[in-house]
């Protein structure tokens, strides 16, 4: 009877054969944020060109005239989007127990599905050249009707409205707010639905109405949960504000287009334009992250 064999030890390779290294410390170097170093180097190169080249300085002076318009469109448009998104988001979570809740839900759903299915550029042009004239015409008809029933203090100003009174900047800002309102509505819907149903039931059992429970219990928690998504959409709107240049709005993109078309300095102009947008988005992203940390720690 042959003796039992003891299991042979597993075959192992020396460390040098398992993971060859070119030089010591390669692992730590490979973890460096090389993309960030490259981005910083490119930014410093552009800053150096601006500081030492009069041509770049002239481009900067011409382009920065549109920064105020860009920020105004972004901030006002985003405030409009948040307001519209909150109203529509509440409609998306309505329980549909009464006829007006059913109408509220279906109108909100119709708005979200239609707006999210249309490109933002197309939506901006549609609202600017179709939506706003229809609204002005409706207000004029309302003003004429008010005058017919002897309500002149409202009827007179409304009946005198004209499409020319609404600038392209206002149209573009309103269009951005409407476009992003659908996305904000879905963010608010997801945030509200993420709150446990027991909290609503507990608030109602304490005697709160449905809207009081939403205002004091549900919405504060939901807003804190969706704040990162809201902040990301705000940064995205700053970038998408460049789309308003199709209406001739004098933002930084339109200013860059005009300067490049008149001087043929496309390389310098659009490099500087991209750098300005990158600088704006990086600063706003840091601001959003700081706000998130403050809310996470419970500080106001």
Foldseek 3Di string as FASTA:
>chain_A
DDDDDDDDDDDDDDPCVVDPDPDPPPVVVVPDPVVVVVVVVLLVVLVVCCVPPVVLVVLVVLLCVQAVLLVVLLVLLLVLLLVLLVQLLVLCPQPPPDPVSVVSNVVSVVLLVVLQVDDLLVLLVCCLPPVLVVVLVVQLVVLVVCVVVPNNVRSVVSVPDDSVVQDLSNSNSPSSSSNSSSVSNVLLNVLLVVDDPVQQVVCVVVPDDNVRCCVPPRVVRSCLVSLVVSLVVSLVSSVVSLSSCVVVRSHSNVSLVVVCVVPVPNPSSVSVVVSVSVVVSVVSVVVSVVVSVCVVVVHD
